[in-house]
Protein backbone atom coordinates (compact mmCIF):
# COMPACT_ATOMS: atom_id res chain seq x y z
CA MET A 1 -20.00 14.22 1.42
CA VAL A 2 -20.84 10.55 1.84
CA LYS A 3 -20.68 10.06 -1.90
CA CYS A 4 -17.26 11.69 -2.01
CA ASN A 5 -15.96 9.28 0.60
CA VAL A 6 -17.15 6.39 -1.53
CA CYS A 7 -15.16 7.74 -4.46
CA PHE A 8 -11.90 7.76 -2.54
CA LEU A 9 -12.49 4.37 -0.94
CA ALA A 10 -12.81 2.85 -4.39
CA ALA A 11 -9.01 2.70 -4.44
CA THR A 12 -8.60 1.86 -0.75
CA ILE A 13 -8.44 -1.59 0.83
CA CYS A 14 -9.23 -2.52 4.44
CA THR A 15 -6.99 -5.27 5.84
CA SER A 16 -7.77 -7.84 8.52
CA SER A 17 -6.00 -5.60 11.05
CA ASP A 18 -8.38 -2.73 10.21
CA GLU A 19 -5.53 -0.89 8.50
CA TYR A 20 -6.58 1.00 5.40
CA LEU A 21 -4.21 0.61 2.48
CA THR A 22 -4.29 3.27 -0.22
CA LYS A 23 -3.27 2.43 -3.77
CA TRP A 24 -0.43 4.47 -5.21
CA PHE A 25 1.21 4.41 -8.62
CA VAL A 26 4.76 4.98 -9.83
CA TYR A 27 5.65 5.31 -13.51
CA VAL A 28 9.33 4.77 -14.34
CA SER A 29 11.34 5.96 -17.31
CA GLY A 30 12.29 3.73 -20.21
CA GLU A 31 16.06 4.28 -19.94
CA ASN A 32 16.66 1.03 -18.09
CA VAL A 33 13.36 -0.41 -16.92
CA GLU A 34 14.74 -3.24 -14.78
CA LEU A 35 17.15 -0.89 -13.01
CA ALA A 36 14.31 1.60 -12.48
CA LYS A 37 12.13 -1.13 -10.96
CA ALA A 38 14.94 -2.16 -8.62
CA GLU A 39 15.42 1.45 -7.55
CA VAL A 40 11.73 1.79 -6.65
CA TYR A 41 11.71 -1.51 -4.76
CA SER A 42 14.86 -0.67 -2.79
CA LEU A 43 13.45 2.71 -1.79
CA LEU A 44 10.14 1.23 -0.69
CA ARG A 45 11.95 -1.37 1.41
CA SER A 46 13.53 1.48 3.36
CA VAL A 47 10.14 2.84 4.51
CA LEU A 48 7.71 -0.11 4.37
CA SER A 49 7.86 -3.33 6.36
CA ASP A 50 5.82 -5.15 3.72
CA VAL A 51 6.34 -4.06 0.11
CA ARG A 52 3.52 -4.94 -2.28
CA ILE A 53 4.08 -4.00 -5.92
CA ASP A 54 2.21 -5.08 -9.05
CA TRP A 55 4.03 -4.16 -12.25
CA ILE A 56 2.35 -3.56 -15.60
CA GLU A 57 5.25 -2.80 -17.91
CA ARG A 58 6.66 0.50 -16.52
CA LEU A 59 3.74 1.10 -14.14
CA ALA A 60 3.94 0.08 -10.48
CA ILE A 61 0.80 -0.21 -8.37
CA ILE A 62 1.58 -0.16 -4.66
CA GLU A 63 -0.62 -0.72 -1.62
CA SER A 64 0.47 1.23 1.44
CA ALA A 65 -1.03 2.78 4.56
CA ILE A 66 1.41 5.69 4.29
CA SER A 67 1.95 8.14 1.46
CA ILE A 68 4.86 7.01 -0.71
CA SER A 69 4.57 9.12 -3.88
CA GLU A 70 6.32 12.24 -2.56
CA PHE A 71 9.13 10.13 -1.10
CA ILE A 72 9.68 8.31 -4.40
CA LEU A 73 9.60 11.55 -6.40
CA ASP A 74 12.13 13.15 -4.04
CA ARG A 75 14.51 10.18 -4.20
CA ALA A 76 14.18 8.13 -7.40
CA ALA A 77 16.25 9.17 -10.41
CA LEU A 78 14.50 6.84 -12.86
CA THR A 79 10.87 7.66 -11.94
CA GLN A 80 8.98 10.05 -14.20
CA ARG A 81 5.78 10.55 -12.19
CA ALA A 82 3.92 9.17 -9.19
CA GLY A 83 0.75 9.75 -7.24
CA ARG A 84 -2.40 8.38 -5.67
CA ILE A 85 -4.95 6.15 -7.39
CA ILE A 86 -8.32 7.71 -6.59
CA TYR A 87 -10.75 5.58 -8.54
CA GLU A 88 -10.87 2.46 -10.70
CA ALA A 89 -13.35 2.16 -13.56
CA ASP A 90 -14.24 -0.63 -15.96
CA SER A 91 -14.13 1.55 -19.07
CA VAL A 92 -13.45 5.04 -20.34
CA GLU A 93 -17.12 5.45 -21.25
CA SER A 94 -18.12 5.22 -17.59
CA LEU A 95 -15.95 8.26 -16.84
CA ARG A 96 -18.03 10.38 -19.20
CA ALA A 97 -21.37 9.23 -17.81
CA LYS A 98 -23.44 11.46 -15.53
CA GLU A 99 -22.85 9.08 -12.64
CA SER A 100 -19.13 9.86 -12.76
CA SER A 101 -19.70 13.52 -11.83
CA ASN A 102 -19.32 12.64 -8.14
CA ILE A 103 -15.77 11.44 -8.81
CA TRP A 104 -14.68 14.76 -10.25
CA ARG A 105 -16.44 16.77 -7.55
CA CYS A 106 -14.54 14.70 -4.97
CA LEU A 107 -11.23 15.60 -6.56
CA MET A 108 -11.64 19.35 -6.89
CA THR A 109 -13.78 22.41 -6.35
CA SER A 110 -14.71 25.26 -8.66
CA ARG A 111 -11.71 27.20 -7.28
CA ASP A 112 -9.24 24.57 -8.50
CA THR A 113 -7.47 24.36 -11.81
CA PHE A 114 -6.63 21.05 -13.44
CA SER A 115 -4.87 19.35 -16.31
CA ILE A 116 -5.62 15.91 -17.69
CA LYS A 117 -3.38 13.39 -19.41
CA ILE A 118 -4.07 9.93 -20.80
CA LEU A 119 -1.41 7.24 -20.31
CA CYS A 120 -1.68 3.87 -22.03
CA VAL A 121 -0.01 0.93 -20.28
CA GLY A 122 -0.25 -2.59 -21.69
CA THR A 123 -2.65 -1.30 -24.31
CA ASN A 124 -2.61 1.34 -27.02
CA ILE A 125 -4.91 3.78 -28.77
CA GLU A 126 -4.19 6.11 -31.66
CA SER A 127 -2.74 9.51 -30.84
CA GLU A 128 -5.68 11.43 -32.28
CA LYS A 129 -8.18 9.31 -30.38
CA ARG A 130 -6.21 9.82 -27.16
CA ASN A 131 -6.12 13.59 -27.68
CA GLN A 132 -9.86 13.66 -28.31
CA LEU A 133 -10.47 11.63 -25.17
CA GLU A 134 -8.43 14.13 -23.14
CA ARG A 135 -10.51 16.99 -24.54
CA ASP A 136 -13.80 15.18 -23.87
CA LEU A 137 -12.88 14.28 -20.30
CA GLY A 138 -11.59 17.80 -19.67
CA ALA A 139 -14.90 19.27 -20.79
CA HIS A 140 -16.83 16.77 -18.68
CA ILE A 141 -14.76 17.55 -15.57
CA LYS A 142 -15.17 21.28 -16.09
CA THR A 143 -18.94 20.87 -16.26
CA ALA A 144 -19.14 18.48 -13.30
CA ALA A 145 -16.78 20.26 -10.88
CA GLY A 146 -16.75 23.80 -12.23
CA ALA A 147 -12.94 23.80 -12.28
CA ASN A 148 -10.90 25.40 -15.05
CA VAL A 149 -8.22 23.85 -17.25
CA ASP A 150 -4.63 25.05 -16.76
CA LEU A 151 -2.07 23.11 -18.77
CA ARG A 152 0.96 24.97 -17.38
CA ASN A 153 0.44 25.26 -13.64
CA ALA A 154 -2.58 23.19 -12.64
CA ALA A 155 -3.45 22.72 -8.97
CA LYS A 156 -4.54 19.16 -9.75
CA GLN A 157 -2.83 16.97 -12.34
CA ILE A 158 -5.24 14.21 -13.30
CA LEU A 159 -3.70 11.17 -14.93
CA VAL A 160 -6.02 8.63 -16.53
CA ILE A 161 -4.18 5.34 -16.96
CA LEU A 162 -5.64 2.92 -19.48
CA THR A 163 -4.67 -0.73 -19.01
CA ASP A 164 -6.01 -3.81 -20.78
CA GLU A 165 -8.09 -4.60 -17.67
CA ASN A 166 -9.36 -1.30 -16.29
CA VAL A 167 -9.02 2.47 -16.09
CA LEU A 168 -7.25 4.18 -13.18
CA ILE A 169 -8.01 7.77 -12.17
CA CYS A 170 -4.99 9.26 -10.43
CA LEU A 171 -3.77 12.47 -8.87
CA SER A 172 -0.28 12.73 -10.32
CA ASN A 173 2.91 14.72 -9.89
CA ASP A 174 5.88 14.86 -12.22
CA SER A 175 9.43 14.33 -11.02
CA LYS A 176 11.27 17.57 -10.30
CA LEU A 177 14.35 15.63 -9.23
CA ARG A 178 15.06 14.59 -12.82
CA ILE A 179 15.30 18.27 -13.78
CA ASP A 180 17.62 18.93 -10.83
CA LEU A 181 19.81 15.98 -11.81
CA LYS A 182 20.30 17.46 -15.28
CA ASP A 183 21.47 20.67 -13.63
CA ARG A 184 23.91 18.63 -11.53
CA GLU A 185 25.61 16.84 -14.42
CA PRO A 186 29.43 16.66 -14.15
CA GLY A 187 29.97 19.38 -16.76
CA LYS A 188 27.89 21.84 -14.72
CA LYS A 189 29.76 21.32 -11.44
CA PRO A 190 32.51 23.69 -10.19
CA PHE A 191 35.05 20.98 -10.98
CA PHE A 192 34.78 18.61 -13.93
CA HIS A 193 36.72 15.52 -14.94
CA PRO A 194 35.75 13.05 -17.72
CA SER A 195 35.92 10.12 -15.28
CA MET A 196 33.13 11.51 -13.09
CA MET A 197 29.89 9.52 -12.97
CA ASN A 198 26.75 11.27 -14.16
CA SER A 199 24.38 12.45 -11.44
CA LYS A 200 21.49 10.22 -12.45
CA LEU A 201 23.42 6.94 -12.20
CA ALA A 202 25.15 8.08 -9.02
CA ARG A 203 21.74 8.72 -7.43
CA VAL A 204 20.44 5.32 -8.56
CA MET A 205 23.42 3.54 -7.01
CA CYS A 206 22.89 5.37 -3.72
CA ASN A 207 19.22 4.38 -3.78
CA LEU A 208 19.97 0.71 -4.45
CA VAL A 209 21.72 0.53 -1.07
CA GLN A 210 19.25 2.89 0.65
CA VAL A 211 21.66 5.68 1.61
CA LYS A 212 19.90 7.62 4.37
CA LYS A 213 20.18 11.00 6.04
CA GLY A 214 22.75 10.96 8.82
CA GLU A 215 24.47 7.77 7.65
CA VAL A 216 28.17 7.53 6.84
CA MET A 217 28.83 6.63 3.20
CA LEU A 218 32.25 5.78 1.81
CA ASP A 219 33.51 6.00 -1.76
CA PRO A 220 37.05 4.54 -1.78
CA PHE A 221 37.59 5.59 -5.43
CA CYS A 222 35.88 8.98 -5.26
CA GLY A 223 37.70 10.83 -8.05
CA GLY A 224 35.97 14.18 -8.63
CA GLY A 225 33.16 13.30 -6.22
CA GLY A 226 30.21 12.49 -8.49
CA ILE A 227 28.84 9.78 -6.19
CA LEU A 228 29.77 11.71 -3.05
CA CYS A 229 27.71 14.67 -4.22
CA GLU A 230 24.52 12.66 -4.70
CA ALA A 231 24.91 10.94 -1.33
CA SER A 232 25.47 14.36 0.21
CA TYR A 233 22.25 15.67 -1.34
CA LEU A 234 20.54 12.75 0.42
CA GLY A 235 21.86 14.00 3.75
CA ALA A 236 24.61 11.43 4.29
CA PHE A 237 27.99 12.25 5.82
CA VAL A 238 30.30 11.29 2.97
CA ILE A 239 33.92 10.14 3.05
CA GLY A 240 35.93 10.08 -0.16
CA LEU A 241 39.28 8.37 -0.75
CA ASP A 242 41.58 8.77 -3.72
CA LEU A 243 45.32 8.85 -4.44
CA ASN A 244 45.01 11.65 -6.98
CA TRP A 245 45.26 14.95 -5.10
CA LYS A 246 44.03 16.98 -8.06
CA LEU A 247 40.81 14.94 -8.20
CA LEU A 248 40.40 15.18 -4.43
CA THR A 249 40.73 18.96 -4.63
CA GLY A 250 38.02 18.93 -7.30
CA ALA A 251 35.78 16.72 -5.18
CA ARG A 252 36.17 19.19 -2.32
CA MET A 253 35.14 22.06 -4.61
CA ASN A 254 32.00 20.17 -5.66
CA LEU A 255 31.07 19.18 -2.11
CA ARG A 256 31.58 22.68 -0.74
CA GLU A 257 28.88 23.92 -3.09
CA ILE A 258 26.37 21.54 -1.45
CA GLY A 259 27.27 22.69 2.05
CA HIS A 260 26.88 19.36 3.83
CA LYS A 261 29.40 17.49 6.01
CA TYR A 262 32.14 15.61 4.19
CA SER A 263 35.64 14.24 4.63
CA ILE A 264 38.22 13.90 1.85
CA ILE A 265 41.28 11.70 2.40
CA GLN A 266 44.27 11.07 0.16
CA ALA A 267 44.66 7.33 0.61
CA ASP A 268 45.00 4.01 -1.18
CA ALA A 269 41.78 1.98 -1.46
CA GLN A 270 43.87 -1.12 -0.79
CA HIS A 271 44.51 0.23 2.71
CA ILE A 272 41.26 1.93 3.73
CA PRO A 273 41.96 4.03 6.86
CA ILE A 274 38.34 3.83 8.04
CA SER A 275 37.11 1.51 10.79
CA SER A 276 33.34 1.65 10.23
CA VAL A 277 30.80 3.04 7.75
CA ASP A 278 27.13 2.39 7.04
CA CYS A 279 27.44 1.85 3.29
CA ILE A 280 29.84 1.90 0.34
CA VAL A 281 29.01 3.19 -3.13
CA THR A 282 31.83 3.36 -5.64
CA ASP A 283 32.89 3.41 -9.28
CA PRO A 284 36.49 2.07 -9.48
CA PRO A 285 38.75 3.00 -12.41
CA TYR A 286 38.28 0.78 -15.44
CA GLY A 287 38.23 0.75 -19.23
CA ARG A 288 41.21 2.58 -20.67
CA SER A 289 42.26 3.42 -17.11
CA SER A 290 42.39 -0.22 -16.06
CA SER A 291 45.92 0.36 -14.77
CA THR A 292 45.83 3.47 -12.60
CA ARG A 293 47.55 4.95 -9.57
CA GLY A 294 50.00 2.08 -9.22
CA GLY A 295 47.64 -0.89 -9.28
CA GLN A 296 45.37 -2.90 -11.53
CA SER A 297 41.64 -2.23 -11.19
CA ILE A 298 40.77 -5.84 -10.46
CA LYS A 299 43.42 -6.07 -7.75
CA LEU A 300 42.15 -2.84 -6.21
CA ILE A 301 38.59 -4.16 -6.12
CA GLU A 302 39.63 -7.55 -4.72
CA THR A 303 41.55 -5.92 -1.90
CA MET A 304 38.64 -3.62 -1.09
CA LEU A 305 36.17 -6.52 -1.10
CA GLU A 306 38.32 -8.45 1.36
CA ARG A 307 37.91 -5.59 3.85
CA ILE A 308 34.20 -4.91 3.42
CA ASP A 309 32.88 -7.19 6.15
CA SER A 310 35.24 -5.58 8.68
CA ILE A 311 33.99 -2.03 8.13
CA ILE A 312 30.26 -2.65 7.49
CA ASP A 313 28.21 -4.20 10.28
CA SER A 314 24.92 -4.56 8.41
CA ARG A 315 24.05 -7.89 6.81
CA GLU A 316 21.87 -6.11 4.26
CA GLU A 317 22.82 -4.97 0.75
CA ARG A 318 24.76 -1.85 1.71
CA VAL A 319 27.50 -2.00 -0.94
CA CYS A 320 27.07 -0.97 -4.58
CA ILE A 321 29.87 -1.14 -7.16
CA CYS A 322 29.89 -0.13 -10.81
CA GLY A 323 32.52 -1.55 -13.14
CA ASP A 324 33.33 -2.65 -16.66
CA ALA A 325 31.37 -5.83 -17.45
CA GLU A 326 34.64 -7.43 -18.59
CA MET A 327 35.85 -7.31 -14.98
CA ASN A 328 33.19 -9.89 -14.07
CA LEU A 329 32.29 -8.26 -10.77
CA PRO A 330 30.02 -11.15 -9.67
CA ARG A 331 32.94 -13.57 -9.83
CA LEU A 332 35.20 -11.20 -7.88
CA VAL A 333 32.53 -10.78 -5.22
CA GLU A 334 31.85 -14.51 -4.87
CA ASP A 335 35.57 -15.32 -4.76
CA CYS A 336 35.76 -13.11 -1.66
CA GLY A 337 33.01 -15.11 0.03
CA LEU A 338 30.36 -12.42 -0.43
CA LEU A 339 26.92 -12.64 -2.02
CA ILE A 340 25.56 -10.73 -5.00
CA GLY A 341 22.23 -9.01 -4.43
CA LEU A 342 21.35 -7.16 -7.63
CA ASP A 343 23.18 -7.36 -10.95
CA PHE A 344 22.53 -5.07 -13.94
CA LYS A 345 24.35 -4.42 -17.18
CA MET A 346 23.98 -1.27 -19.25
CA ARG A 347 25.65 -0.46 -22.56
CA VAL A 348 27.38 2.94 -22.59
CA HIS A 349 28.87 2.68 -26.09
CA SER A 350 30.28 0.00 -28.39
CA GLY A 351 33.44 -0.30 -26.31
CA LEU A 352 31.96 -0.22 -22.82
CA VAL A 353 29.24 -2.13 -20.99
CA ARG A 354 28.83 -1.15 -17.35
CA GLU A 355 27.86 -3.65 -14.69
CA ILE A 356 26.27 -2.55 -11.43
CA VAL A 357 26.09 -4.95 -8.51
CA THR A 358 24.94 -4.75 -4.92
CA ILE A 359 26.65 -6.92 -2.34
CA LYS A 360 25.35 -8.73 0.72
CA VAL A 361 28.10 -8.73 3.33
């Protein structure tokens, strides 16, 4: 058992305060890498007082005394997999040596099943060579630990990450949230409208401002409730405003299916009838609908921004807005005496580039 402890401590650091920090990894998707990184960082800030992240392309290595992988997988829309770094080796060859048998016996018993996957980050090997390496390591693990391979439903998912500096042995889990988000796309909801934001981006926006369970979140341009739904799945009490009664009725249909607390109000975003909320996440009308419900989009946003500091007490980044890049959201925000936190642009199609900003009140 002493040898097993040594294996696990290979990826554990003792600080000056005698606090043991475990190394964790997060691997984000390639859809929008910078946005994915910001999502991970924002989420970690909500649970850690001191966030330490080293990025190697799409791979984050995080030191933490508490487990963070399950939290990230439950929350992050742009994370593919995450887990614990168990061991660090100098080379792949050392993992096939007899001395490495203790590592595999630490990770599993003969009653376990396992799968193994090779992930190259910052380096690359040919597909055939990678497949052969997976087979070789799988055979070595089976001999060393007596465990059996199960590619469909393994008890232990082993991820071997190859970087240009070292090799990381990890216990990994894939994101189930990303599958759930596909099932929650606007077209699969009880009510659908083309203006509704997709579930993945709605979740990311909520994460950028750290929407938490029990908090009150406002969307003053809620439409069919795409953003409200994701905040509701996070456990927030959501309030949605819109002038369009048909869209509000649809938002209510979508929120009822979730079964969490909500409030839907037919109101003008220029005159928000709410005195206090914890955060605001919204996607105002833009593009071909730049003139909607009796007012120009830019005017609507300006009026809303002027009221933000009176309804949000926090000085943190608790406001996230998505708009057409042509609106120049950063300028609108700064003209209202507010500060931009994060700023991302993402091309939707040739005629539309979205801009997502967070705001420091």
